[in-house]
């Protein structure tokens, strides 16, 4: 149960991380 919650949390963090990274790339290239 705890492991599943941890995995979903990591998945959410990865999604946010990728979004931030693409945003930073757009921001730095602009």
C-alpha atoms as a PDB file:
ATOM      1  CA  UNK A   1       0.000   0.000   0.000  1.00  0.00           C
ATOM      2  CA  UNK A   2       2.735   2.451   1.021  1.00  0.00           C
ATOM      3  CA  UNK A   3       4.857   1.434  -1.965  1.00  0.00           C
ATOM      4  CA  UNK A   4       2.023   2.171  -4.373  1.00  0.00           C
ATOM      5  CA  UNK A   5       1.505   5.607  -2.838  1.00  0.00           C
ATOM      6  CA  UNK A   6       5.233   6.277  -3.120  1.00  0.00           C
ATOM      7  CA  UNK A   7       5.260   5.227  -6.777  1.00  0.00           C
ATOM      8  CA  UNK A   8       2.360   7.514  -7.651  1.00  0.00           C
ATOM      9  CA  UNK A   9       4.125  10.366  -5.847  1.00  0.00           C
ATOM     10  CA  UNK A  10       7.342   9.749  -7.806  1.00  0.00           C
ATOM     11  CA  UNK A  11       5.339   9.611 -11.033  1.00  0.00           C
ATOM     12  CA  UNK A  12       3.747  12.966 -10.236  1.00  0.00           C
ATOM     13  CA  UNK A  13       7.136  14.488  -9.383  1.00  0.00           C
ATOM     14  CA  UNK A  14       8.607  13.236 -12.662  1.00  0.00           C
ATOM     15  CA  UNK A  15       5.747  14.776 -14.621  1.00  0.00           C
ATOM     16  CA  UNK A  16       6.248  18.121 -12.869  1.00  0.00           C
ATOM     17  CA  UNK A  17      10.011  17.879 -13.377  1.00  0.00           C
ATOM     18  CA  UNK A  18       9.668  17.323 -17.123  1.00  0.00           C
ATOM     19  CA  UNK A  19       7.184  20.192 -17.409  1.00  0.00           C
ATOM     20  CA  UNK A  20       9.533  22.542 -15.539  1.00  0.00           C
ATOM     21  CA  UNK A  21      12.493  21.451 -17.650  1.00  0.00           C
ATOM     22  CA  UNK A  22      10.681  22.068 -20.934  1.00  0.00           C
ATOM     23  CA  UNK A  23       9.497  25.422 -19.584  1.00  0.00           C
ATOM     24  CA  UNK A  24      13.045  26.382 -18.629  1.00  0.00           C
ATOM     25  CA  UNK A  25      14.332  25.369 -22.044  1.00  0.00           C
ATOM     26  CA  UNK A  26      11.697  27.543 -23.726  1.00  0.00           C
ATOM     27  CA  UNK A  27      12.492  30.400 -21.339  1.00  0.00           C
ATOM     28  CA  UNK A  28      16.262  30.197 -21.868  1.00  0.00           C
ATOM     29  CA  UNK A  29      15.987  29.991 -25.658  1.00  0.00           C
ATOM     30  CA  UNK A  30      13.613  32.972 -25.822  1.00  0.00           C
END
